[in-house]
């Protein structure tokens, strides 16, 4: 956990240093912002993947993995909005983020909060050994990811 935390802290510091608040972003700065966003989503993907496999019966249920990955995803969800402070619209840098991210910031923030809440609920399900709801909890996390992708990610 400390390695991921250290990477995320270093990435956040780099983003803050490389992203001017009031000035127009250079292509390099926009490229860095997009790279950091993509990195956080790769970490989310690496944690949801095993959970989805378990929910679909393609991998055995492993409570320790569910608990660990849900905790990691909660931590990552709390950082997502920070990585969208840099508005890269019009920068010329290829990104999967739709302009609607910056046009509907309140809804985007709510969707990241929904992910946080779903991962917290999944952690509670695991902590309570509520085996009947493991799949439901994982599906709820996946649904929050899908809701954001449907509205804010280009195909």
N, C-alpha and C. Protein backbone atom coordinates (compact mmCIF):
# COMPACT_ATOMS: atom_id res chain seq x y z
N UNK A 1 0.82 -1.19 0.00
CA UNK A 1 0.00 0.00 0.00
C UNK A 1 0.86 1.25 0.00
N UNK A 2 1.97 1.23 0.72
CA UNK A 2 2.79 2.44 0.80
C UNK A 2 3.41 2.78 -0.55
N UNK A 3 3.70 1.79 -1.39
CA UNK A 3 4.24 2.07 -2.71
C UNK A 3 3.23 2.81 -3.56
N UNK A 4 1.99 2.34 -3.58
CA UNK A 4 0.94 3.02 -4.34
C UNK A 4 0.75 4.42 -3.79
N UNK A 5 0.74 4.54 -2.49
CA UNK A 5 0.55 5.86 -1.87
C UNK A 5 1.68 6.81 -2.27
N UNK A 6 2.91 6.31 -2.23
CA UNK A 6 4.05 7.15 -2.60
C UNK A 6 3.99 7.56 -4.07
N UNK A 7 3.59 6.64 -4.94
CA UNK A 7 3.44 6.96 -6.36
C UNK A 7 2.38 8.03 -6.54
N UNK A 8 1.27 7.87 -5.85
CA UNK A 8 0.17 8.83 -6.00
C UNK A 8 0.57 10.20 -5.45
N UNK A 9 1.29 10.24 -4.36
CA UNK A 9 1.75 11.52 -3.80
C UNK A 9 2.72 12.19 -4.77
N UNK A 10 3.65 11.42 -5.30
CA UNK A 10 4.61 11.98 -6.26
C UNK A 10 3.90 12.47 -7.51
N UNK A 11 2.93 11.71 -7.98
CA UNK A 11 2.18 12.12 -9.17
C UNK A 11 1.39 13.38 -8.91
N UNK A 12 0.78 13.46 -7.74
CA UNK A 12 0.01 14.66 -7.40
C UNK A 12 0.92 15.88 -7.34
N UNK A 13 2.07 15.73 -6.71
CA UNK A 13 3.02 16.85 -6.64
C UNK A 13 3.46 17.28 -8.03
N UNK A 14 3.76 16.31 -8.87
CA UNK A 14 4.18 16.63 -10.24
C UNK A 14 3.07 17.34 -10.99
N UNK A 15 1.84 16.90 -10.80
CA UNK A 15 0.71 17.54 -11.46
C UNK A 15 0.55 18.97 -10.98
N UNK A 16 0.65 19.17 -9.69
CA UNK A 16 0.48 20.52 -9.15
C UNK A 16 1.58 21.46 -9.64
N UNK A 17 2.79 20.95 -9.74
CA UNK A 17 3.90 21.77 -10.20
C UNK A 17 3.78 22.06 -11.69
N UNK A 18 3.28 21.08 -12.46
CA UNK A 18 3.29 21.24 -13.92
C UNK A 18 2.03 21.89 -14.48
N UNK A 19 1.04 22.15 -13.65
CA UNK A 19 -0.22 22.67 -14.15
C UNK A 19 -0.45 24.09 -13.66
N UNK A 20 -0.35 25.08 -14.55
CA UNK A 20 -0.64 26.45 -14.12
C UNK A 20 -2.13 26.63 -13.91
N UNK A 21 -2.49 27.38 -12.90
CA UNK A 21 -3.89 27.57 -12.58
C UNK A 21 -4.55 28.55 -13.53
N UNK A 22 -3.95 29.69 -13.76
CA UNK A 22 -4.61 30.73 -14.54
C UNK A 22 -4.12 30.80 -15.98
N UNK A 23 -2.95 30.32 -16.26
CA UNK A 23 -2.37 30.48 -17.60
C UNK A 23 -2.79 29.35 -18.52
N UNK A 24 -2.70 29.63 -19.81
CA UNK A 24 -2.96 28.61 -20.83
C UNK A 24 -1.92 27.50 -20.68
N UNK A 25 -2.35 26.26 -20.78
CA UNK A 25 -1.45 25.14 -20.65
C UNK A 25 -0.66 24.92 -21.93
N UNK A 26 0.59 24.58 -21.78
CA UNK A 26 1.38 24.19 -22.94
C UNK A 26 0.97 22.76 -23.31
N UNK A 27 1.36 22.35 -24.49
CA UNK A 27 1.05 20.98 -24.91
C UNK A 27 1.71 19.97 -23.97
N UNK A 28 2.92 20.27 -23.52
CA UNK A 28 3.62 19.36 -22.59
C UNK A 28 2.86 19.26 -21.27
N UNK A 29 2.39 20.38 -20.75
CA UNK A 29 1.64 20.36 -19.50
C UNK A 29 0.33 19.60 -19.66
N UNK A 30 -0.35 19.82 -20.77
CA UNK A 30 -1.60 19.10 -21.03
C UNK A 30 -1.32 17.61 -21.17
N UNK A 31 -0.24 17.28 -21.85
CA UNK A 31 0.14 15.88 -22.02
C UNK A 31 0.42 15.22 -20.67
N UNK A 32 1.12 15.93 -19.78
CA UNK A 32 1.38 15.41 -18.44
C UNK A 32 0.09 15.19 -17.67
N UNK A 33 -0.82 16.14 -17.75
CA UNK A 33 -2.10 16.02 -17.03
C UNK A 33 -2.86 14.80 -17.51
N UNK A 34 -2.90 14.60 -18.82
CA UNK A 34 -3.60 13.44 -19.38
C UNK A 34 -2.91 12.15 -18.95
N UNK A 35 -1.59 12.15 -18.97
CA UNK A 35 -0.84 10.96 -18.56
C UNK A 35 -1.14 10.59 -17.10
N UNK A 36 -1.19 11.56 -16.23
CA UNK A 36 -1.48 11.29 -14.82
C UNK A 36 -2.90 10.75 -14.66
N UNK A 37 -3.86 11.33 -15.39
CA UNK A 37 -5.24 10.84 -15.32
C UNK A 37 -5.32 9.39 -15.78
N UNK A 38 -4.65 9.11 -16.89
CA UNK A 38 -4.68 7.75 -17.41
C UNK A 38 -4.02 6.78 -16.43
N UNK A 39 -3.00 7.23 -15.74
CA UNK A 39 -2.31 6.38 -14.76
C UNK A 39 -3.24 6.00 -13.62
N UNK A 40 -3.99 6.96 -13.11
CA UNK A 40 -4.88 6.64 -11.99
C UNK A 40 -5.96 5.66 -12.44
N UNK A 41 -6.45 5.82 -13.68
CA UNK A 41 -7.47 4.90 -14.17
C UNK A 41 -6.90 3.52 -14.47
N UNK A 42 -5.63 3.43 -14.81
CA UNK A 42 -5.01 2.12 -14.97
C UNK A 42 -4.95 1.40 -13.61
N UNK A 43 -4.67 2.15 -12.56
CA UNK A 43 -4.67 1.56 -11.22
C UNK A 43 -6.07 1.10 -10.82
N UNK A 44 -7.08 1.91 -11.14
CA UNK A 44 -8.46 1.50 -10.86
C UNK A 44 -8.76 0.22 -11.62
N UNK A 45 -8.42 0.19 -12.90
CA UNK A 45 -8.68 -0.98 -13.74
C UNK A 45 -7.99 -2.23 -13.19
N UNK A 46 -6.76 -2.07 -12.72
CA UNK A 46 -6.03 -3.24 -12.20
C UNK A 46 -6.66 -3.79 -10.93
N UNK A 47 -7.42 -2.96 -10.24
CA UNK A 47 -8.08 -3.41 -9.02
C UNK A 47 -9.50 -3.91 -9.26
N UNK A 48 -10.22 -3.35 -10.23
CA UNK A 48 -11.58 -3.81 -10.50
C UNK A 48 -11.56 -5.11 -11.32
N UNK A 49 -10.54 -5.31 -12.13
CA UNK A 49 -10.47 -6.50 -12.98
C UNK A 49 -10.64 -7.81 -12.22
N UNK A 50 -9.84 -8.05 -11.18
CA UNK A 50 -9.99 -9.29 -10.43
C UNK A 50 -11.36 -9.41 -9.74
N UNK A 51 -11.91 -8.28 -9.31
CA UNK A 51 -13.23 -8.32 -8.67
C UNK A 51 -14.30 -8.73 -9.67
N UNK A 52 -14.22 -8.17 -10.87
CA UNK A 52 -15.18 -8.54 -11.92
C UNK A 52 -15.08 -10.01 -12.27
N UNK A 53 -13.86 -10.53 -12.34
CA UNK A 53 -13.67 -11.95 -12.63
C UNK A 53 -14.31 -12.81 -11.55
N UNK A 54 -14.18 -12.41 -10.30
CA UNK A 54 -14.81 -13.16 -9.20
C UNK A 54 -16.33 -13.10 -9.30
N UNK A 55 -16.86 -11.92 -9.57
CA UNK A 55 -18.32 -11.75 -9.65
C UNK A 55 -18.91 -12.57 -10.78
N UNK A 56 -18.14 -12.76 -11.86
CA UNK A 56 -18.62 -13.51 -13.02
C UNK A 56 -18.32 -15.00 -12.91
N UNK A 57 -17.70 -15.42 -11.81
CA UNK A 57 -17.38 -16.82 -11.62
C UNK A 57 -16.16 -17.28 -12.41
N UNK A 58 -15.38 -16.35 -12.94
CA UNK A 58 -14.19 -16.70 -13.72
C UNK A 58 -12.96 -16.84 -12.84
N UNK A 59 -13.10 -16.47 -11.59
CA UNK A 59 -12.02 -16.61 -10.61
C UNK A 59 -12.68 -16.95 -9.28
N UNK A 60 -11.99 -17.72 -8.45
CA UNK A 60 -12.58 -18.04 -7.14
C UNK A 60 -12.68 -16.80 -6.26
N UNK A 61 -13.70 -16.78 -5.42
CA UNK A 61 -13.87 -15.68 -4.47
C UNK A 61 -12.70 -15.69 -3.49
N UNK A 62 -12.07 -14.56 -3.35
CA UNK A 62 -10.95 -14.41 -2.42
C UNK A 62 -11.24 -13.16 -1.59
N UNK A 63 -11.68 -13.37 -0.36
CA UNK A 63 -12.07 -12.24 0.49
C UNK A 63 -10.94 -11.25 0.71
N UNK A 64 -9.73 -11.75 0.84
CA UNK A 64 -8.59 -10.85 1.07
C UNK A 64 -8.37 -9.94 -0.14
N UNK A 65 -8.49 -10.49 -1.34
CA UNK A 65 -8.32 -9.69 -2.55
C UNK A 65 -9.45 -8.67 -2.68
N UNK A 66 -10.67 -9.10 -2.39
CA UNK A 66 -11.81 -8.17 -2.46
C UNK A 66 -11.59 -7.02 -1.49
N UNK A 67 -11.23 -7.34 -0.26
CA UNK A 67 -11.03 -6.30 0.76
C UNK A 67 -9.91 -5.34 0.35
N UNK A 68 -8.79 -5.89 -0.08
CA UNK A 68 -7.64 -5.07 -0.47
C UNK A 68 -7.96 -4.19 -1.68
N UNK A 69 -8.56 -4.78 -2.70
CA UNK A 69 -8.85 -4.02 -3.91
C UNK A 69 -9.93 -2.98 -3.68
N UNK A 70 -10.91 -3.28 -2.86
CA UNK A 70 -11.95 -2.30 -2.54
C UNK A 70 -11.34 -1.12 -1.78
N UNK A 71 -10.44 -1.41 -0.86
CA UNK A 71 -9.77 -0.34 -0.12
C UNK A 71 -8.92 0.52 -1.05
N UNK A 72 -8.19 -0.12 -1.95
CA UNK A 72 -7.37 0.64 -2.91
C UNK A 72 -8.24 1.52 -3.80
N UNK A 73 -9.34 0.94 -4.28
CA UNK A 73 -10.22 1.71 -5.17
C UNK A 73 -10.86 2.88 -4.43
N UNK A 74 -11.15 2.69 -3.16
CA UNK A 74 -11.67 3.82 -2.37
C UNK A 74 -10.64 4.94 -2.34
N UNK A 75 -9.39 4.59 -2.04
CA UNK A 75 -8.33 5.59 -1.99
C UNK A 75 -8.15 6.29 -3.33
N UNK A 76 -8.16 5.53 -4.40
CA UNK A 76 -8.01 6.11 -5.74
C UNK A 76 -9.19 7.00 -6.09
N UNK A 77 -10.40 6.59 -5.69
CA UNK A 77 -11.59 7.38 -6.01
C UNK A 77 -11.53 8.77 -5.39
N UNK A 78 -10.88 8.86 -4.24
CA UNK A 78 -10.76 10.15 -3.56
C UNK A 78 -9.80 11.10 -4.28
N UNK A 79 -9.03 10.58 -5.22
CA UNK A 79 -8.05 11.39 -5.95
C UNK A 79 -8.50 11.76 -7.36
N UNK A 80 -9.50 11.07 -7.89
CA UNK A 80 -9.86 11.25 -9.30
C UNK A 80 -10.14 12.70 -9.64
N UNK A 81 -10.96 13.38 -8.88
CA UNK A 81 -11.30 14.77 -9.21
C UNK A 81 -10.07 15.67 -9.25
N UNK A 82 -9.09 15.38 -8.40
CA UNK A 82 -7.85 16.18 -8.40
C UNK A 82 -7.15 16.13 -9.75
N UNK A 83 -7.27 15.01 -10.43
CA UNK A 83 -6.59 14.84 -11.71
C UNK A 83 -7.36 15.44 -12.88
N UNK A 84 -8.52 16.01 -12.60
CA UNK A 84 -9.29 16.69 -13.64
C UNK A 84 -9.34 18.20 -13.41
N UNK A 85 -8.56 18.70 -12.47
CA UNK A 85 -8.47 20.14 -12.26
C UNK A 85 -7.91 20.81 -13.52
N UNK A 86 -6.93 20.17 -14.12
CA UNK A 86 -6.33 20.69 -15.36
C UNK A 86 -7.29 20.43 -16.51
N UNK A 87 -7.88 21.49 -17.03
CA UNK A 87 -8.82 21.41 -18.15
C UNK A 87 -8.02 21.33 -19.44
N UNK A 88 -7.99 20.16 -20.05
CA UNK A 88 -7.17 19.95 -21.24
C UNK A 88 -7.95 20.12 -22.54
N UNK A 89 -9.18 20.62 -22.45
CA UNK A 89 -9.94 20.87 -23.67
C UNK A 89 -9.18 21.87 -24.54
N UNK A 90 -9.18 21.62 -25.81
CA UNK A 90 -8.55 22.55 -26.73
C UNK A 90 -7.03 22.55 -26.71
N UNK A 91 -6.43 21.62 -25.98
CA UNK A 91 -4.97 21.58 -25.87
C UNK A 91 -4.33 20.86 -27.05
N UNK A 92 -5.13 20.11 -27.79
CA UNK A 92 -4.58 19.33 -28.90
C UNK A 92 -4.05 17.98 -28.47
N UNK A 93 -4.07 17.70 -27.18
CA UNK A 93 -3.58 16.42 -26.66
C UNK A 93 -4.72 15.41 -26.69
N UNK A 94 -4.43 14.21 -27.23
CA UNK A 94 -5.45 13.17 -27.31
C UNK A 94 -5.80 12.68 -25.91
N UNK A 95 -7.08 12.65 -25.64
CA UNK A 95 -7.57 12.19 -24.34
C UNK A 95 -8.90 11.49 -24.54
N UNK A 96 -9.22 10.59 -23.64
CA UNK A 96 -10.52 9.91 -23.68
C UNK A 96 -11.58 10.68 -22.90
N UNK A 97 -11.16 11.72 -22.19
CA UNK A 97 -12.11 12.52 -21.41
C UNK A 97 -12.91 13.42 -22.34
N UNK A 98 -14.22 13.34 -22.22
CA UNK A 98 -15.09 14.22 -23.00
C UNK A 98 -15.13 15.61 -22.36
N UNK A 99 -15.41 16.62 -23.17
CA UNK A 99 -15.51 17.99 -22.67
C UNK A 99 -16.52 18.12 -21.54
N UNK A 100 -17.51 17.23 -21.52
CA UNK A 100 -18.56 17.29 -20.50
C UNK A 100 -18.01 17.19 -19.08
N UNK A 101 -16.81 16.61 -18.93
CA UNK A 101 -16.20 16.53 -17.59
C UNK A 101 -16.12 17.92 -16.98
N UNK A 102 -15.67 18.90 -17.78
CA UNK A 102 -15.46 20.26 -17.28
C UNK A 102 -16.72 21.12 -17.41
N UNK A 103 -17.68 20.63 -18.17
CA UNK A 103 -18.95 21.36 -18.32
C UNK A 103 -19.95 20.97 -17.23
N UNK A 104 -19.78 19.78 -16.67
CA UNK A 104 -20.68 19.26 -15.64
C UNK A 104 -19.88 18.81 -14.42
N UNK A 105 -19.10 19.71 -13.87
CA UNK A 105 -18.18 19.33 -12.79
C UNK A 105 -18.90 18.78 -11.56
N UNK A 106 -20.08 19.30 -11.25
CA UNK A 106 -20.81 18.81 -10.08
C UNK A 106 -21.24 17.36 -10.28
N UNK A 107 -21.73 17.03 -11.46
CA UNK A 107 -22.15 15.65 -11.73
C UNK A 107 -20.95 14.72 -11.76
N UNK A 108 -19.86 15.17 -12.36
CA UNK A 108 -18.64 14.36 -12.40
C UNK A 108 -18.15 14.09 -10.98
N UNK A 109 -18.16 15.11 -10.14
CA UNK A 109 -17.74 14.95 -8.74
C UNK A 109 -18.67 13.98 -8.01
N UNK A 110 -19.96 14.04 -8.30
CA UNK A 110 -20.91 13.13 -7.66
C UNK A 110 -20.63 11.69 -8.09
N UNK A 111 -20.31 11.50 -9.34
CA UNK A 111 -20.02 10.15 -9.82
C UNK A 111 -18.76 9.58 -9.15
N UNK A 112 -17.76 10.41 -8.91
CA UNK A 112 -16.59 9.92 -8.19
C UNK A 112 -16.94 9.63 -6.74
N UNK A 113 -17.83 10.43 -6.16
CA UNK A 113 -18.30 10.17 -4.80
C UNK A 113 -19.09 8.86 -4.75
N UNK A 114 -19.88 8.60 -5.79
CA UNK A 114 -20.62 7.33 -5.85
C UNK A 114 -19.67 6.14 -5.85
N UNK A 115 -18.55 6.27 -6.55
CA UNK A 115 -17.54 5.21 -6.55
C UNK A 115 -16.97 5.04 -5.15
N UNK A 116 -16.67 6.13 -4.49
CA UNK A 116 -16.16 6.06 -3.12
C UNK A 116 -17.15 5.32 -2.22
N UNK A 117 -18.41 5.69 -2.30
CA UNK A 117 -19.43 5.07 -1.45
C UNK A 117 -19.62 3.59 -1.78
N UNK A 118 -19.57 3.24 -3.06
CA UNK A 118 -19.73 1.83 -3.44
C UNK A 118 -18.56 0.99 -2.94
N UNK A 119 -17.35 1.54 -2.99
CA UNK A 119 -16.20 0.79 -2.49
C UNK A 119 -16.24 0.66 -0.97
N UNK A 120 -16.74 1.68 -0.30
CA UNK A 120 -16.90 1.60 1.15
C UNK A 120 -17.95 0.54 1.52
N UNK A 121 -19.03 0.50 0.76
CA UNK A 121 -20.08 -0.49 1.01
C UNK A 121 -19.53 -1.90 0.78
N UNK A 122 -18.72 -2.08 -0.26
CA UNK A 122 -18.13 -3.39 -0.52
C UNK A 122 -17.20 -3.79 0.61
N UNK A 123 -16.44 -2.85 1.13
CA UNK A 123 -15.57 -3.16 2.27
C UNK A 123 -16.39 -3.60 3.49
N UNK A 124 -17.53 -2.97 3.70
CA UNK A 124 -18.40 -3.35 4.82
C UNK A 124 -18.97 -4.75 4.61
N UNK A 125 -19.35 -5.06 3.38
CA UNK A 125 -19.88 -6.40 3.06
C UNK A 125 -18.83 -7.46 3.40
N UNK A 126 -17.60 -7.21 3.01
CA UNK A 126 -16.51 -8.16 3.28
C UNK A 126 -16.23 -8.24 4.78
N UNK A 127 -16.16 -7.10 5.45
CA UNK A 127 -15.87 -7.09 6.89
C UNK A 127 -16.93 -7.85 7.67
N UNK A 128 -18.18 -7.78 7.20
CA UNK A 128 -19.29 -8.47 7.88
C UNK A 128 -19.46 -9.90 7.41
N UNK A 129 -18.59 -10.36 6.52
CA UNK A 129 -18.66 -11.72 5.96
C UNK A 129 -20.04 -12.01 5.37
N UNK A 130 -20.61 -11.00 4.72
CA UNK A 130 -21.93 -11.10 4.10
C UNK A 130 -21.79 -11.75 2.72
N UNK A 131 -21.45 -13.04 2.73
CA UNK A 131 -21.12 -13.74 1.50
C UNK A 131 -22.23 -13.69 0.45
N UNK A 132 -23.46 -13.63 0.87
CA UNK A 132 -24.58 -13.58 -0.09
C UNK A 132 -24.56 -12.30 -0.92
N UNK A 133 -23.88 -11.26 -0.44
CA UNK A 133 -23.88 -9.98 -1.14
C UNK A 133 -22.53 -9.60 -1.76
N UNK A 134 -21.59 -10.53 -1.79
CA UNK A 134 -20.30 -10.22 -2.41
C UNK A 134 -20.49 -9.78 -3.86
N UNK A 135 -21.21 -10.57 -4.62
CA UNK A 135 -21.43 -10.26 -6.03
C UNK A 135 -22.17 -8.95 -6.23
N UNK A 136 -23.16 -8.72 -5.39
CA UNK A 136 -23.94 -7.48 -5.48
C UNK A 136 -23.06 -6.26 -5.19
N UNK A 137 -22.20 -6.38 -4.19
CA UNK A 137 -21.30 -5.28 -3.85
C UNK A 137 -20.30 -4.98 -4.95
N UNK A 138 -19.76 -6.04 -5.55
CA UNK A 138 -18.83 -5.85 -6.67
C UNK A 138 -19.56 -5.23 -7.85
N UNK A 139 -20.77 -5.70 -8.13
CA UNK A 139 -21.55 -5.16 -9.25
C UNK A 139 -21.85 -3.68 -9.04
N UNK A 140 -22.10 -3.28 -7.81
CA UNK A 140 -22.38 -1.86 -7.52
C UNK A 140 -21.15 -1.00 -7.82
N UNK A 141 -19.98 -1.50 -7.48
CA UNK A 141 -18.75 -0.76 -7.80
C UNK A 141 -18.61 -0.65 -9.31
N UNK A 142 -18.79 -1.76 -10.00
CA UNK A 142 -18.69 -1.74 -11.46
C UNK A 142 -19.70 -0.81 -12.11
N UNK A 143 -20.90 -0.74 -11.54
CA UNK A 143 -21.94 0.14 -12.08
C UNK A 143 -21.55 1.61 -11.96
N UNK A 144 -20.84 1.96 -10.89
CA UNK A 144 -20.41 3.36 -10.76
C UNK A 144 -19.35 3.69 -11.80
N UNK A 145 -18.48 2.74 -12.08
CA UNK A 145 -17.48 2.95 -13.13
C UNK A 145 -18.18 3.15 -14.48
N UNK A 146 -19.13 2.27 -14.77
CA UNK A 146 -19.85 2.34 -16.04
C UNK A 146 -20.61 3.65 -16.18
N UNK A 147 -21.24 4.11 -15.11
CA UNK A 147 -22.01 5.36 -15.18
C UNK A 147 -21.13 6.53 -15.58
N UNK A 148 -19.94 6.57 -15.05
CA UNK A 148 -19.01 7.66 -15.39
C UNK A 148 -18.51 7.50 -16.82
N UNK A 149 -18.16 6.27 -17.20
CA UNK A 149 -17.69 6.02 -18.57
C UNK A 149 -18.76 6.40 -19.58
N UNK A 150 -20.00 6.03 -19.30
CA UNK A 150 -21.09 6.32 -20.23
C UNK A 150 -21.23 7.81 -20.50
N UNK A 151 -21.02 8.62 -19.48
CA UNK A 151 -21.22 10.07 -19.62
C UNK A 151 -19.97 10.85 -19.97
N UNK A 152 -18.81 10.37 -19.55
CA UNK A 152 -17.62 11.22 -19.62
C UNK A 152 -16.41 10.64 -20.34
N UNK A 153 -16.52 9.44 -20.87
CA UNK A 153 -15.37 8.84 -21.55
C UNK A 153 -15.71 8.59 -23.02
N UNK A 154 -14.81 9.03 -23.90
CA UNK A 154 -14.97 8.76 -25.33
C UNK A 154 -14.62 7.30 -25.59
N UNK A 155 -15.30 6.71 -26.52
CA UNK A 155 -15.02 5.30 -26.86
C UNK A 155 -13.72 5.14 -27.59
